[in-house]
Amino acid sequence: MIRKGEIQDLPRVLELIEELALYEKAPHEVVNTIERMEKDGFGDNPIFGFVVAEQNNTIQGTAIYYWRYSTWKGKRIYLEDLIVTESQRGLGLGAMLFDEIINIGKSSGASGMMWQVLDWNEPAINFYKKYKARIEEEWLNCSLDF
């Protein structure tokens, strides 16, 4: 079952984020907290949303998104993370979460969706290719930590 994320889901969602960071060989990079996620997702000015995949009353996956604006394309939905716990991968939960983010974007009038994938993550790349996603090579990711 896919449903909108709720504040009480955040501890499990943070566990999934930490699991993803471990998979991506960067567990030391996660500095987020439940308190920050409560404020940023449920405070006066929420800046992200999420949906969860539940099986047997346990959250097995999540998709975290936010809105961005493209000067070329207009409103876009940005999929920050699509996470399914390792033991549940390959059972269709990722597709259900991905489809739900597409539906949220379409119903909100977005012109499309954007996300990133690590160049070595072949299972994810192959998953996105099933959707006929364009995987661009010419753009370089930039970031600046404050």
N, C-alpha and C. Protein backbone atom coordinates (compact mmCIF):
# COMPACT_ATOMS: atom_id res chain seq x y z
N MET A 1 0.84 -1.18 0.00
CA MET A 1 0.00 0.00 0.00
C MET A 1 0.88 1.24 0.00
N ILE A 2 0.57 2.18 -0.86
CA ILE A 2 1.27 3.46 -0.91
C ILE A 2 0.36 4.51 -0.28
N ARG A 3 0.94 5.33 0.58
CA ARG A 3 0.16 6.40 1.21
C ARG A 3 1.05 7.61 1.45
N LYS A 4 0.41 8.74 1.69
CA LYS A 4 1.12 9.97 2.02
C LYS A 4 1.85 9.79 3.35
N GLY A 5 3.07 10.31 3.42
CA GLY A 5 3.84 10.22 4.65
C GLY A 5 3.27 11.10 5.75
N GLU A 6 3.40 10.63 6.97
CA GLU A 6 2.92 11.35 8.15
C GLU A 6 4.07 11.58 9.11
N ILE A 7 3.90 12.53 10.00
CA ILE A 7 4.99 12.92 10.92
C ILE A 7 5.49 11.73 11.73
N GLN A 8 4.60 10.84 12.12
CA GLN A 8 5.02 9.68 12.92
C GLN A 8 5.83 8.67 12.11
N ASP A 9 5.88 8.83 10.78
CA ASP A 9 6.67 7.95 9.93
C ASP A 9 8.15 8.34 9.89
N LEU A 10 8.47 9.53 10.36
CA LEU A 10 9.83 10.05 10.17
C LEU A 10 10.94 9.20 10.77
N PRO A 11 10.78 8.59 11.96
CA PRO A 11 11.88 7.74 12.44
C PRO A 11 12.21 6.61 11.48
N ARG A 12 11.21 5.95 10.93
CA ARG A 12 11.46 4.87 9.98
C ARG A 12 12.03 5.42 8.67
N VAL A 13 11.55 6.56 8.23
CA VAL A 13 12.06 7.17 7.00
C VAL A 13 13.54 7.51 7.17
N LEU A 14 13.91 8.05 8.31
CA LEU A 14 15.32 8.36 8.56
C LEU A 14 16.16 7.07 8.57
N GLU A 15 15.62 5.98 9.11
CA GLU A 15 16.32 4.69 9.05
C GLU A 15 16.56 4.28 7.59
N LEU A 16 15.56 4.46 6.75
CA LEU A 16 15.71 4.12 5.33
C LEU A 16 16.74 5.01 4.66
N ILE A 17 16.76 6.28 5.01
CA ILE A 17 17.77 7.21 4.47
C ILE A 17 19.17 6.74 4.87
N GLU A 18 19.32 6.34 6.11
CA GLU A 18 20.63 5.84 6.58
C GLU A 18 21.00 4.54 5.87
N GLU A 19 20.02 3.68 5.59
CA GLU A 19 20.28 2.45 4.84
C GLU A 19 20.75 2.78 3.42
N LEU A 20 20.11 3.77 2.79
CA LEU A 20 20.52 4.19 1.46
C LEU A 20 21.94 4.75 1.48
N ALA A 21 22.25 5.56 2.47
CA ALA A 21 23.59 6.14 2.57
C ALA A 21 24.65 5.05 2.71
N LEU A 22 24.35 4.02 3.46
CA LEU A 22 25.27 2.89 3.60
C LEU A 22 25.46 2.19 2.25
N TYR A 23 24.37 1.96 1.54
CA TYR A 23 24.42 1.34 0.21
C TYR A 23 25.26 2.20 -0.75
N GLU A 24 25.13 3.52 -0.63
CA GLU A 24 25.86 4.44 -1.51
C GLU A 24 27.26 4.77 -0.99
N LYS A 25 27.69 4.03 0.02
CA LYS A 25 29.04 4.14 0.58
C LYS A 25 29.34 5.52 1.16
N ALA A 26 28.31 6.12 1.78
CA ALA A 26 28.48 7.44 2.37
C ALA A 26 27.67 7.60 3.66
N PRO A 27 27.76 6.64 4.59
CA PRO A 27 26.95 6.74 5.80
C PRO A 27 27.29 7.96 6.65
N HIS A 28 28.52 8.44 6.56
CA HIS A 28 28.96 9.61 7.33
C HIS A 28 28.32 10.91 6.84
N GLU A 29 27.70 10.90 5.66
CA GLU A 29 27.12 12.10 5.08
C GLU A 29 25.76 12.45 5.67
N VAL A 30 25.09 11.50 6.30
CA VAL A 30 23.75 11.76 6.85
C VAL A 30 23.90 12.51 8.17
N VAL A 31 23.48 13.76 8.17
CA VAL A 31 23.50 14.58 9.38
C VAL A 31 22.10 15.07 9.73
N ASN A 32 21.11 14.67 8.94
CA ASN A 32 19.74 15.07 9.18
C ASN A 32 19.24 14.45 10.48
N THR A 33 18.20 15.07 11.06
CA THR A 33 17.61 14.57 12.29
C THR A 33 16.09 14.52 12.14
N ILE A 34 15.46 13.76 12.98
CA ILE A 34 14.00 13.71 12.98
C ILE A 34 13.42 15.08 13.26
N GLU A 35 14.03 15.81 14.21
CA GLU A 35 13.54 17.15 14.55
C GLU A 35 13.60 18.09 13.35
N ARG A 36 14.69 18.03 12.60
CA ARG A 36 14.81 18.88 11.41
C ARG A 36 13.78 18.46 10.36
N MET A 37 13.59 17.17 10.20
CA MET A 37 12.61 16.68 9.22
C MET A 37 11.19 17.07 9.62
N GLU A 38 10.90 17.06 10.93
CA GLU A 38 9.58 17.50 11.39
C GLU A 38 9.34 18.95 11.00
N LYS A 39 10.32 19.79 11.25
CA LYS A 39 10.21 21.22 10.93
C LYS A 39 10.12 21.43 9.42
N ASP A 40 11.00 20.76 8.67
CA ASP A 40 11.09 20.99 7.23
C ASP A 40 9.95 20.35 6.45
N GLY A 41 9.33 19.31 6.99
CA GLY A 41 8.26 18.64 6.28
C GLY A 41 6.86 18.93 6.81
N PHE A 42 6.79 19.40 8.08
CA PHE A 42 5.49 19.60 8.71
C PHE A 42 5.37 20.93 9.44
N GLY A 43 6.36 21.79 9.30
CA GLY A 43 6.34 23.10 9.97
C GLY A 43 5.47 24.09 9.22
N ASP A 44 5.67 25.36 9.53
CA ASP A 44 4.87 26.43 8.93
C ASP A 44 5.05 26.54 7.42
N ASN A 45 6.23 26.18 6.93
CA ASN A 45 6.53 26.29 5.51
C ASN A 45 7.19 25.00 5.03
N PRO A 46 6.41 23.93 4.85
CA PRO A 46 7.00 22.65 4.46
C PRO A 46 7.77 22.75 3.13
N ILE A 47 8.95 22.15 3.10
CA ILE A 47 9.77 22.21 1.88
C ILE A 47 9.96 20.85 1.23
N PHE A 48 9.42 19.79 1.80
CA PHE A 48 9.45 18.49 1.15
C PHE A 48 8.21 17.71 1.52
N GLY A 49 7.93 16.72 0.71
CA GLY A 49 6.85 15.79 0.98
C GLY A 49 7.36 14.38 0.76
N PHE A 50 6.60 13.40 1.18
CA PHE A 50 7.02 12.02 0.95
C PHE A 50 5.83 11.09 0.99
N VAL A 51 6.02 9.97 0.35
CA VAL A 51 5.04 8.89 0.40
C VAL A 51 5.78 7.66 0.92
N VAL A 52 5.02 6.72 1.45
CA VAL A 52 5.63 5.51 1.98
C VAL A 52 4.94 4.29 1.39
N ALA A 53 5.70 3.20 1.33
CA ALA A 53 5.16 1.89 0.93
C ALA A 53 5.11 1.03 2.18
N GLU A 54 3.92 0.55 2.50
CA GLU A 54 3.74 -0.29 3.69
C GLU A 54 3.35 -1.70 3.29
N GLN A 55 3.91 -2.66 4.01
CA GLN A 55 3.48 -4.05 3.91
C GLN A 55 3.43 -4.60 5.33
N ASN A 56 2.34 -5.23 5.66
CA ASN A 56 2.15 -5.80 7.01
C ASN A 56 2.40 -4.75 8.09
N ASN A 57 1.86 -3.55 7.89
CA ASN A 57 1.96 -2.44 8.84
C ASN A 57 3.39 -1.99 9.11
N THR A 58 4.31 -2.28 8.19
CA THR A 58 5.70 -1.85 8.31
C THR A 58 6.09 -1.07 7.07
N ILE A 59 6.71 0.08 7.27
CA ILE A 59 7.17 0.88 6.14
C ILE A 59 8.39 0.20 5.54
N GLN A 60 8.28 -0.16 4.27
CA GLN A 60 9.35 -0.87 3.57
C GLN A 60 10.05 0.03 2.55
N GLY A 61 9.49 1.21 2.28
CA GLY A 61 10.10 2.11 1.31
C GLY A 61 9.51 3.50 1.41
N THR A 62 10.20 4.43 0.77
CA THR A 62 9.73 5.81 0.76
C THR A 62 10.22 6.51 -0.51
N ALA A 63 9.51 7.52 -0.90
CA ALA A 63 9.93 8.42 -1.98
C ALA A 63 9.77 9.84 -1.45
N ILE A 64 10.85 10.58 -1.45
CA ILE A 64 10.89 11.93 -0.91
C ILE A 64 11.03 12.91 -2.07
N TYR A 65 10.21 13.94 -2.08
CA TYR A 65 10.19 14.86 -3.21
C TYR A 65 10.07 16.31 -2.73
N TYR A 66 10.36 17.22 -3.64
CA TYR A 66 10.11 18.64 -3.43
C TYR A 66 9.92 19.29 -4.79
N TRP A 67 9.54 20.55 -4.77
CA TRP A 67 9.27 21.28 -6.02
C TRP A 67 10.47 22.14 -6.38
N ARG A 68 10.72 22.23 -7.68
CA ARG A 68 11.76 23.12 -8.19
C ARG A 68 11.20 23.83 -9.40
N TYR A 69 11.91 24.85 -9.82
CA TYR A 69 11.45 25.63 -10.97
C TYR A 69 12.54 25.68 -12.02
N SER A 70 12.18 25.33 -13.23
CA SER A 70 13.09 25.39 -14.36
C SER A 70 12.71 26.60 -15.21
N THR A 71 13.68 27.43 -15.51
CA THR A 71 13.38 28.58 -16.37
C THR A 71 12.99 28.13 -17.77
N TRP A 72 13.39 26.94 -18.15
CA TRP A 72 13.05 26.42 -19.47
C TRP A 72 11.74 25.64 -19.47
N LYS A 73 11.45 24.93 -18.38
CA LYS A 73 10.32 23.99 -18.37
C LYS A 73 9.20 24.36 -17.39
N GLY A 74 9.46 25.31 -16.48
CA GLY A 74 8.45 25.67 -15.48
C GLY A 74 8.53 24.76 -14.26
N LYS A 75 7.39 24.56 -13.62
CA LYS A 75 7.31 23.77 -12.39
C LYS A 75 7.70 22.32 -12.66
N ARG A 76 8.60 21.79 -11.82
CA ARG A 76 9.06 20.40 -11.92
C ARG A 76 8.99 19.77 -10.53
N ILE A 77 8.74 18.49 -10.48
CA ILE A 77 8.84 17.77 -9.21
C ILE A 77 10.22 17.11 -9.20
N TYR A 78 10.90 17.22 -8.06
CA TYR A 78 12.23 16.65 -7.92
C TYR A 78 12.15 15.48 -6.96
N LEU A 79 12.51 14.31 -7.45
CA LEU A 79 12.55 13.11 -6.62
C LEU A 79 13.91 13.07 -5.93
N GLU A 80 13.93 13.40 -4.66
CA GLU A 80 15.19 13.44 -3.92
C GLU A 80 15.72 12.03 -3.65
N ASP A 81 14.86 11.16 -3.18
CA ASP A 81 15.27 9.78 -2.90
C ASP A 81 14.11 8.83 -3.12
N LEU A 82 14.43 7.70 -3.69
CA LEU A 82 13.51 6.57 -3.81
C LEU A 82 14.22 5.41 -3.12
N ILE A 83 13.65 4.97 -2.00
CA ILE A 83 14.33 3.97 -1.18
C ILE A 83 13.38 2.81 -0.88
N VAL A 84 13.85 1.62 -1.14
CA VAL A 84 13.15 0.41 -0.71
C VAL A 84 14.16 -0.40 0.08
N THR A 85 13.75 -0.83 1.26
CA THR A 85 14.66 -1.60 2.10
C THR A 85 15.15 -2.83 1.33
N GLU A 86 16.39 -3.20 1.56
CA GLU A 86 17.05 -4.22 0.74
C GLU A 86 16.25 -5.52 0.62
N SER A 87 15.67 -5.97 1.70
CA SER A 87 14.97 -7.26 1.67
C SER A 87 13.69 -7.22 0.83
N GLN A 88 13.22 -6.04 0.49
CA GLN A 88 11.96 -5.91 -0.26
C GLN A 88 12.17 -5.46 -1.71
N ARG A 89 13.43 -5.31 -2.13
CA ARG A 89 13.70 -4.87 -3.50
C ARG A 89 13.31 -5.97 -4.49
N GLY A 90 12.86 -5.54 -5.66
CA GLY A 90 12.48 -6.47 -6.71
C GLY A 90 11.06 -6.98 -6.62
N LEU A 91 10.29 -6.46 -5.67
CA LEU A 91 8.92 -6.92 -5.48
C LEU A 91 7.88 -5.92 -6.01
N GLY A 92 8.33 -4.84 -6.62
CA GLY A 92 7.41 -3.87 -7.20
C GLY A 92 7.15 -2.63 -6.37
N LEU A 93 7.69 -2.56 -5.16
CA LEU A 93 7.44 -1.39 -4.32
C LEU A 93 8.07 -0.12 -4.92
N GLY A 94 9.26 -0.24 -5.48
CA GLY A 94 9.92 0.91 -6.09
C GLY A 94 9.09 1.49 -7.22
N ALA A 95 8.53 0.63 -8.06
CA ALA A 95 7.69 1.09 -9.17
C ALA A 95 6.43 1.77 -8.64
N MET A 96 5.84 1.23 -7.59
CA MET A 96 4.64 1.84 -7.01
C MET A 96 4.96 3.23 -6.44
N LEU A 97 6.09 3.36 -5.76
CA LEU A 97 6.49 4.67 -5.22
C LEU A 97 6.79 5.65 -6.35
N PHE A 98 7.55 5.20 -7.35
CA PHE A 98 7.91 6.05 -8.48
C PHE A 98 6.66 6.52 -9.21
N ASP A 99 5.73 5.61 -9.46
CA ASP A 99 4.48 5.97 -10.12
C ASP A 99 3.69 6.99 -9.31
N GLU A 100 3.71 6.86 -7.99
CA GLU A 100 2.97 7.81 -7.15
C GLU A 100 3.57 9.21 -7.25
N ILE A 101 4.89 9.31 -7.30
CA ILE A 101 5.52 10.63 -7.45
C ILE A 101 5.17 11.22 -8.82
N ILE A 102 5.15 10.39 -9.85
CA ILE A 102 4.72 10.87 -11.18
C ILE A 102 3.29 11.40 -11.09
N ASN A 103 2.41 10.67 -10.42
CA ASN A 103 1.02 11.10 -10.28
C ASN A 103 0.91 12.41 -9.51
N ILE A 104 1.69 12.56 -8.45
CA ILE A 104 1.68 13.81 -7.68
C ILE A 104 2.11 14.96 -8.58
N GLY A 105 3.17 14.76 -9.34
CA GLY A 105 3.64 15.79 -10.25
C GLY A 105 2.60 16.17 -11.28
N LYS A 106 2.03 15.18 -11.93
CA LYS A 106 1.02 15.45 -12.97
C LYS A 106 -0.19 16.17 -12.39
N SER A 107 -0.68 15.70 -11.24
CA SER A 107 -1.89 16.30 -10.66
C SER A 107 -1.64 17.71 -10.14
N SER A 108 -0.37 18.06 -9.92
CA SER A 108 -0.02 19.40 -9.45
C SER A 108 0.36 20.34 -10.59
N GLY A 109 0.24 19.87 -11.82
CA GLY A 109 0.54 20.72 -12.96
C GLY A 109 2.01 20.85 -13.30
N ALA A 110 2.84 19.96 -12.79
CA ALA A 110 4.27 20.01 -13.11
C ALA A 110 4.48 19.57 -14.56
N SER A 111 5.56 20.07 -15.16
CA SER A 111 5.86 19.72 -16.55
C SER A 111 6.71 18.46 -16.66
N GLY A 112 7.19 17.95 -15.53
CA GLY A 112 8.00 16.74 -15.54
C GLY A 112 8.65 16.50 -14.20
N MET A 113 9.51 15.49 -14.18
CA MET A 113 10.18 15.09 -12.95
C MET A 113 11.68 14.98 -13.22
N MET A 114 12.45 15.29 -12.19
CA MET A 114 13.91 15.19 -12.26
C MET A 114 14.41 14.43 -11.05
N TRP A 115 15.58 13.80 -11.19
CA TRP A 115 16.24 13.10 -10.09
C TRP A 115 17.66 12.79 -10.51
N GLN A 116 18.42 12.23 -9.60
CA GLN A 116 19.79 11.83 -9.88
C GLN A 116 19.95 10.34 -9.60
N VAL A 117 20.94 9.75 -10.25
CA VAL A 117 21.29 8.36 -9.97
C VAL A 117 22.81 8.24 -10.09
N LEU A 118 23.41 7.51 -9.19
CA LEU A 118 24.85 7.29 -9.26
C LEU A 118 25.21 6.46 -10.48
N ASP A 119 26.29 6.81 -11.13
CA ASP A 119 26.65 6.14 -12.39
C ASP A 119 26.98 4.66 -12.21
N TRP A 120 27.29 4.22 -11.00
CA TRP A 120 27.60 2.81 -10.76
C TRP A 120 26.38 2.00 -10.30
N ASN A 121 25.26 2.66 -10.08
CA ASN A 121 24.08 1.97 -9.55
C ASN A 121 23.27 1.37 -10.70
N GLU A 122 23.79 0.28 -11.26
CA GLU A 122 23.17 -0.36 -12.42
C GLU A 122 21.73 -0.80 -12.18
N PRO A 123 21.39 -1.38 -11.00
CA PRO A 123 19.98 -1.77 -10.80
C PRO A 123 19.04 -0.56 -10.91
N ALA A 124 19.43 0.57 -10.33
CA ALA A 124 18.58 1.77 -10.41
C ALA A 124 18.52 2.31 -11.84
N ILE A 125 19.67 2.35 -12.52
CA ILE A 125 19.70 2.84 -13.90
C ILE A 125 18.79 1.99 -14.77
N ASN A 126 18.87 0.68 -14.63
CA ASN A 126 18.02 -0.22 -15.42
C ASN A 126 16.55 -0.02 -15.08
N PHE A 127 16.23 0.23 -13.82
CA PHE A 127 14.86 0.51 -13.40
C PHE A 127 14.35 1.76 -14.11
N TYR A 128 15.13 2.83 -14.10
CA TYR A 128 14.70 4.09 -14.72
C TYR A 128 14.60 3.96 -16.24
N LYS A 129 15.44 3.15 -16.84
CA LYS A 129 15.37 2.95 -18.30
C LYS A 129 14.05 2.30 -18.70
N LYS A 130 13.45 1.51 -17.81
CA LYS A 130 12.15 0.91 -18.11
C LYS A 130 11.08 1.99 -18.31
N TYR A 131 11.30 3.16 -17.71
CA TYR A 131 10.38 4.28 -17.86
C TYR A 131 10.75 5.17 -19.05
N LYS A 132 11.79 4.76 -19.78
CA LYS A 132 12.31 5.53 -20.90
C LYS A 132 12.83 6.90 -20.45
N ALA A 133 13.42 6.92 -19.25
CA ALA A 133 14.00 8.15 -18.71
C ALA A 133 15.25 8.53 -19.49
N ARG A 134 15.45 9.81 -19.68
CA ARG A 134 16.70 10.32 -20.25
C ARG A 134 17.72 10.39 -19.13
N ILE A 135 18.83 9.75 -19.29
CA ILE A 135 19.91 9.80 -18.31
C ILE A 135 21.04 10.60 -18.96
N GLU A 136 21.19 11.83 -18.50
CA GLU A 136 22.11 12.77 -19.12
C GLU A 136 23.52 12.62 -18.56
N GLU A 137 24.48 12.79 -19.41
CA GLU A 137 25.87 12.69 -18.99
C GLU A 137 26.60 14.03 -19.01
N GLU A 138 26.04 15.01 -19.71
CA GLU A 138 26.80 16.25 -19.88
C GLU A 138 26.73 17.22 -18.71
N TRP A 139 25.77 17.04 -17.80
CA TRP A 139 25.64 17.94 -16.66
C TRP A 139 26.47 17.43 -15.49
N LEU A 140 27.17 18.31 -14.84
CA LEU A 140 27.95 17.96 -13.65
C LEU A 140 27.23 18.45 -12.42
N ASN A 141 27.16 17.62 -11.39
CA ASN A 141 26.51 18.02 -10.15
C ASN A 141 27.43 18.96 -9.37
N CYS A 142 26.83 19.98 -8.81
CA CYS A 142 27.57 20.93 -7.98
C CYS A 142 26.85 21.05 -6.64
N SER A 143 27.62 21.28 -5.58
CA SER A 143 27.00 21.51 -4.28
C SER A 143 27.91 22.40 -3.45
N LEU A 144 27.30 23.02 -2.47
CA LEU A 144 28.02 23.89 -1.56
C LEU A 144 27.39 23.69 -0.18
N ASP A 145 28.15 23.25 0.78
CA ASP A 145 27.64 23.05 2.13
C ASP A 145 27.80 24.33 2.94
N PHE A 146 26.80 24.63 3.75
CA PHE A 146 26.86 25.80 4.64
C PHE A 146 27.08 25.37 6.05
